[in-house]
Amino acid sequence: MMDNDTPVNQRITLSVKEVSELTGRSVSSVWNDIKNQLFPVVRIGGRILILRTDLDNFLASNRILYQDKPKLCRGRAKAVGGER
């Protein structure tokens, strides 16, 4: 938790740990995203912070529609509607 009493959902910046907790991803995964420049960070003193808007944009840009995996029929993928 940060030193201030502002709720996480009202802050404009988040720590790497907070991003990890909010997204359900590991801290090391978030650091890998940062190192791979998947979203920008803000360095204030020795702290690395993520702007909430950058996190929101990152999540929105990685949004996909869920698709069922193809059903397997004797080891082969079966086309939708049973066609081969």
N, C-alpha and C. Protein backbone atom coordinates (compact mmCIF):
# COMPACT_ATOMS: atom_id res chain seq x y z
N MET A 1 0.84 -1.18 0.00
CA MET A 1 0.00 0.00 0.00
C MET A 1 0.88 1.24 0.00
N MET A 2 0.44 2.27 -0.62
CA MET A 2 1.21 3.51 -0.66
C MET A 2 1.08 4.26 0.65
N ASP A 3 1.96 5.23 0.83
CA ASP A 3 1.96 6.01 2.06
C ASP A 3 0.71 6.86 2.23
N ASN A 4 0.12 7.31 1.11
CA ASN A 4 -1.04 8.19 1.26
C ASN A 4 -2.32 7.37 1.41
N ASP A 5 -3.38 8.05 1.77
CA ASP A 5 -4.65 7.38 2.04
C ASP A 5 -5.61 7.41 0.86
N THR A 6 -5.14 7.88 -0.31
CA THR A 6 -5.99 7.94 -1.49
C THR A 6 -6.25 6.53 -1.99
N PRO A 7 -7.52 6.16 -2.18
CA PRO A 7 -7.81 4.81 -2.68
C PRO A 7 -7.17 4.58 -4.05
N VAL A 8 -6.79 3.35 -4.31
CA VAL A 8 -6.10 3.01 -5.56
C VAL A 8 -6.91 3.45 -6.78
N ASN A 9 -8.23 3.29 -6.73
CA ASN A 9 -9.05 3.64 -7.89
C ASN A 9 -9.15 5.14 -8.14
N GLN A 10 -8.61 5.96 -7.25
CA GLN A 10 -8.64 7.41 -7.44
C GLN A 10 -7.27 8.00 -7.75
N ARG A 11 -6.23 7.17 -7.76
CA ARG A 11 -4.88 7.65 -8.04
C ARG A 11 -4.60 7.71 -9.52
N ILE A 12 -3.75 8.65 -9.92
CA ILE A 12 -3.38 8.72 -11.33
C ILE A 12 -2.14 7.88 -11.63
N THR A 13 -1.38 7.50 -10.59
CA THR A 13 -0.23 6.62 -10.79
C THR A 13 -0.35 5.40 -9.89
N LEU A 14 0.26 4.31 -10.36
CA LEU A 14 0.23 3.04 -9.63
C LEU A 14 1.64 2.46 -9.59
N SER A 15 1.95 1.76 -8.51
CA SER A 15 3.23 1.06 -8.42
C SER A 15 3.14 -0.23 -9.24
N VAL A 16 4.30 -0.83 -9.50
CA VAL A 16 4.33 -2.10 -10.21
C VAL A 16 3.54 -3.16 -9.43
N LYS A 17 3.69 -3.18 -8.13
CA LYS A 17 2.96 -4.15 -7.30
C LYS A 17 1.45 -3.92 -7.42
N GLU A 18 1.02 -2.67 -7.40
CA GLU A 18 -0.42 -2.38 -7.52
C GLU A 18 -0.96 -2.80 -8.88
N VAL A 19 -0.18 -2.57 -9.94
CA VAL A 19 -0.60 -3.02 -11.27
C VAL A 19 -0.73 -4.53 -11.28
N SER A 20 0.22 -5.21 -10.65
CA SER A 20 0.17 -6.67 -10.55
C SER A 20 -1.11 -7.12 -9.84
N GLU A 21 -1.41 -6.50 -8.72
CA GLU A 21 -2.61 -6.87 -7.96
C GLU A 21 -3.89 -6.56 -8.72
N LEU A 22 -3.94 -5.43 -9.40
CA LEU A 22 -5.15 -5.04 -10.12
C LEU A 22 -5.41 -5.92 -11.33
N THR A 23 -4.34 -6.38 -11.98
CA THR A 23 -4.51 -7.16 -13.21
C THR A 23 -4.48 -8.66 -12.96
N GLY A 24 -4.09 -9.07 -11.75
CA GLY A 24 -4.00 -10.49 -11.46
C GLY A 24 -2.79 -11.16 -12.08
N ARG A 25 -1.80 -10.38 -12.45
CA ARG A 25 -0.57 -10.90 -13.05
C ARG A 25 0.55 -10.81 -12.04
N SER A 26 1.59 -11.56 -12.25
CA SER A 26 2.72 -11.54 -11.32
C SER A 26 3.51 -10.23 -11.48
N VAL A 27 4.21 -9.87 -10.43
CA VAL A 27 5.06 -8.67 -10.47
C VAL A 27 6.11 -8.82 -11.57
N SER A 28 6.68 -10.02 -11.70
CA SER A 28 7.71 -10.22 -12.73
C SER A 28 7.13 -10.08 -14.14
N SER A 29 5.88 -10.48 -14.35
CA SER A 29 5.24 -10.29 -15.66
C SER A 29 5.07 -8.81 -15.97
N VAL A 30 4.68 -8.03 -14.96
CA VAL A 30 4.53 -6.58 -15.16
C VAL A 30 5.88 -5.97 -15.48
N TRP A 31 6.94 -6.37 -14.74
CA TRP A 31 8.28 -5.86 -15.04
C TRP A 31 8.71 -6.24 -16.45
N ASN A 32 8.40 -7.45 -16.90
CA ASN A 32 8.73 -7.86 -18.27
C ASN A 32 8.03 -6.97 -19.28
N ASP A 33 6.76 -6.65 -19.04
CA ASP A 33 6.03 -5.74 -19.93
C ASP A 33 6.72 -4.38 -19.99
N ILE A 34 7.17 -3.90 -18.85
CA ILE A 34 7.86 -2.60 -18.80
C ILE A 34 9.17 -2.68 -19.58
N LYS A 35 9.95 -3.74 -19.32
CA LYS A 35 11.24 -3.90 -20.02
C LYS A 35 11.06 -4.05 -21.52
N ASN A 36 9.95 -4.68 -21.93
CA ASN A 36 9.66 -4.85 -23.36
C ASN A 36 8.94 -3.65 -23.95
N GLN A 37 8.82 -2.60 -23.16
CA GLN A 37 8.22 -1.33 -23.58
C GLN A 37 6.79 -1.50 -24.10
N LEU A 38 6.03 -2.36 -23.42
CA LEU A 38 4.63 -2.53 -23.80
C LEU A 38 3.75 -1.40 -23.28
N PHE A 39 4.20 -0.75 -22.22
CA PHE A 39 3.56 0.49 -21.80
C PHE A 39 4.59 1.36 -21.11
N PRO A 40 4.42 2.68 -21.21
CA PRO A 40 5.40 3.61 -20.65
C PRO A 40 5.28 3.71 -19.13
N VAL A 41 6.34 4.15 -18.52
CA VAL A 41 6.38 4.35 -17.07
C VAL A 41 6.86 5.77 -16.78
N VAL A 42 6.64 6.18 -15.55
CA VAL A 42 7.10 7.48 -15.06
C VAL A 42 8.10 7.19 -13.96
N ARG A 43 9.28 7.80 -14.05
CA ARG A 43 10.28 7.64 -13.00
C ARG A 43 10.29 8.91 -12.16
N ILE A 44 9.97 8.75 -10.89
CA ILE A 44 10.01 9.88 -9.94
C ILE A 44 10.96 9.47 -8.84
N GLY A 45 12.11 10.14 -8.81
CA GLY A 45 13.15 9.72 -7.88
C GLY A 45 13.57 8.31 -8.24
N GLY A 46 13.57 7.41 -7.30
CA GLY A 46 13.92 6.02 -7.56
C GLY A 46 12.73 5.14 -7.85
N ARG A 47 11.54 5.71 -7.87
CA ARG A 47 10.32 4.91 -8.06
C ARG A 47 9.91 4.84 -9.52
N ILE A 48 9.43 3.69 -9.91
CA ILE A 48 8.84 3.50 -11.23
C ILE A 48 7.34 3.42 -11.02
N LEU A 49 6.62 4.31 -11.69
CA LEU A 49 5.16 4.36 -11.56
C LEU A 49 4.53 4.24 -12.94
N ILE A 50 3.32 3.72 -12.97
CA ILE A 50 2.56 3.58 -14.20
C ILE A 50 1.35 4.49 -14.10
N LEU A 51 1.16 5.31 -15.13
CA LEU A 51 -0.05 6.14 -15.17
C LEU A 51 -1.25 5.23 -15.35
N ARG A 52 -2.29 5.50 -14.61
CA ARG A 52 -3.50 4.68 -14.70
C ARG A 52 -4.05 4.70 -16.13
N THR A 53 -3.99 5.83 -16.79
CA THR A 53 -4.49 5.91 -18.17
C THR A 53 -3.67 5.02 -19.10
N ASP A 54 -2.34 4.93 -18.86
CA ASP A 54 -1.50 4.05 -19.68
C ASP A 54 -1.86 2.59 -19.44
N LEU A 55 -2.13 2.23 -18.19
CA LEU A 55 -2.56 0.87 -17.89
C LEU A 55 -3.89 0.58 -18.57
N ASP A 56 -4.83 1.50 -18.47
CA ASP A 56 -6.14 1.33 -19.10
C ASP A 56 -6.00 1.15 -20.61
N ASN A 57 -5.14 1.97 -21.24
CA ASN A 57 -4.91 1.87 -22.69
C ASN A 57 -4.26 0.54 -23.06
N PHE A 58 -3.29 0.10 -22.24
CA PHE A 58 -2.62 -1.18 -22.46
C PHE A 58 -3.64 -2.32 -22.42
N LEU A 59 -4.49 -2.31 -21.41
CA LEU A 59 -5.49 -3.36 -21.29
C LEU A 59 -6.48 -3.33 -22.45
N ALA A 60 -6.91 -2.13 -22.83
CA ALA A 60 -7.87 -1.99 -23.94
C ALA A 60 -7.26 -2.46 -25.26
N SER A 61 -5.98 -2.20 -25.47
CA SER A 61 -5.34 -2.59 -26.73
C SER A 61 -5.08 -4.10 -26.80
N ASN A 62 -5.15 -4.79 -25.67
CA ASN A 62 -4.94 -6.23 -25.64
C ASN A 62 -6.24 -7.00 -25.49
N ARG A 63 -7.34 -6.30 -25.69
CA ARG A 63 -8.65 -6.91 -25.54
C ARG A 63 -8.99 -7.72 -26.77
N ILE A 64 -9.48 -8.92 -26.57
CA ILE A 64 -9.89 -9.77 -27.68
C ILE A 64 -11.25 -10.38 -27.35
N LEU A 65 -11.93 -10.83 -28.37
CA LEU A 65 -13.18 -11.55 -28.16
C LEU A 65 -12.83 -13.01 -27.90
N TYR A 66 -13.46 -13.59 -26.90
CA TYR A 66 -13.22 -14.99 -26.57
C TYR A 66 -13.75 -15.87 -27.68
N GLN A 67 -12.92 -16.82 -28.09
CA GLN A 67 -13.35 -17.79 -29.10
C GLN A 67 -13.13 -19.18 -28.54
N ASP A 68 -14.13 -20.02 -28.72
CA ASP A 68 -13.98 -21.40 -28.28
C ASP A 68 -12.85 -22.06 -29.06
N LYS A 69 -12.13 -22.94 -28.38
CA LYS A 69 -11.12 -23.73 -29.07
C LYS A 69 -11.86 -24.72 -29.97
N PRO A 70 -11.27 -25.04 -31.12
CA PRO A 70 -11.93 -26.02 -31.98
C PRO A 70 -12.08 -27.35 -31.26
N LYS A 71 -13.20 -28.00 -31.45
CA LYS A 71 -13.44 -29.30 -30.82
C LYS A 71 -12.60 -30.35 -31.55
N LEU A 72 -11.99 -31.22 -30.78
CA LEU A 72 -11.16 -32.27 -31.37
C LEU A 72 -11.99 -33.50 -31.65
N CYS A 73 -11.78 -34.06 -32.81
CA CYS A 73 -12.45 -35.29 -33.20
C CYS A 73 -11.37 -36.26 -33.67
N ARG A 74 -11.04 -37.22 -32.82
CA ARG A 74 -9.98 -38.19 -33.11
C ARG A 74 -8.66 -37.50 -33.45
N GLY A 75 -8.33 -36.48 -32.66
CA GLY A 75 -7.04 -35.83 -32.83
C GLY A 75 -7.01 -34.74 -33.88
N ARG A 76 -8.13 -34.55 -34.58
CA ARG A 76 -8.18 -33.51 -35.60
C ARG A 76 -9.14 -32.41 -35.17
N ALA A 77 -8.82 -31.20 -35.55
CA ALA A 77 -9.74 -30.09 -35.26
C ALA A 77 -10.96 -30.23 -36.14
N LYS A 78 -12.10 -30.09 -35.53
CA LYS A 78 -13.37 -30.21 -36.24
C LYS A 78 -13.89 -28.80 -36.55
N ALA A 79 -14.27 -28.57 -37.77
CA ALA A 79 -14.77 -27.26 -38.17
C ALA A 79 -16.13 -27.01 -37.52
N VAL A 80 -16.48 -25.75 -37.41
CA VAL A 80 -17.77 -25.38 -36.85
C VAL A 80 -18.86 -25.96 -37.73
N GLY A 81 -19.88 -26.54 -37.10
CA GLY A 81 -20.99 -27.11 -37.84
C GLY A 81 -20.72 -28.54 -38.29
N GLY A 82 -19.59 -29.11 -37.87
CA GLY A 82 -19.31 -30.50 -38.17
C GLY A 82 -18.65 -30.72 -39.52
N GLU A 83 -18.41 -29.68 -40.29
CA GLU A 83 -17.77 -29.82 -41.61
C GLU A 83 -16.29 -30.05 -41.42
N ARG A 84 -15.68 -30.67 -42.40
CA ARG A 84 -14.24 -30.91 -42.37
C ARG A 84 -13.55 -30.16 -43.46
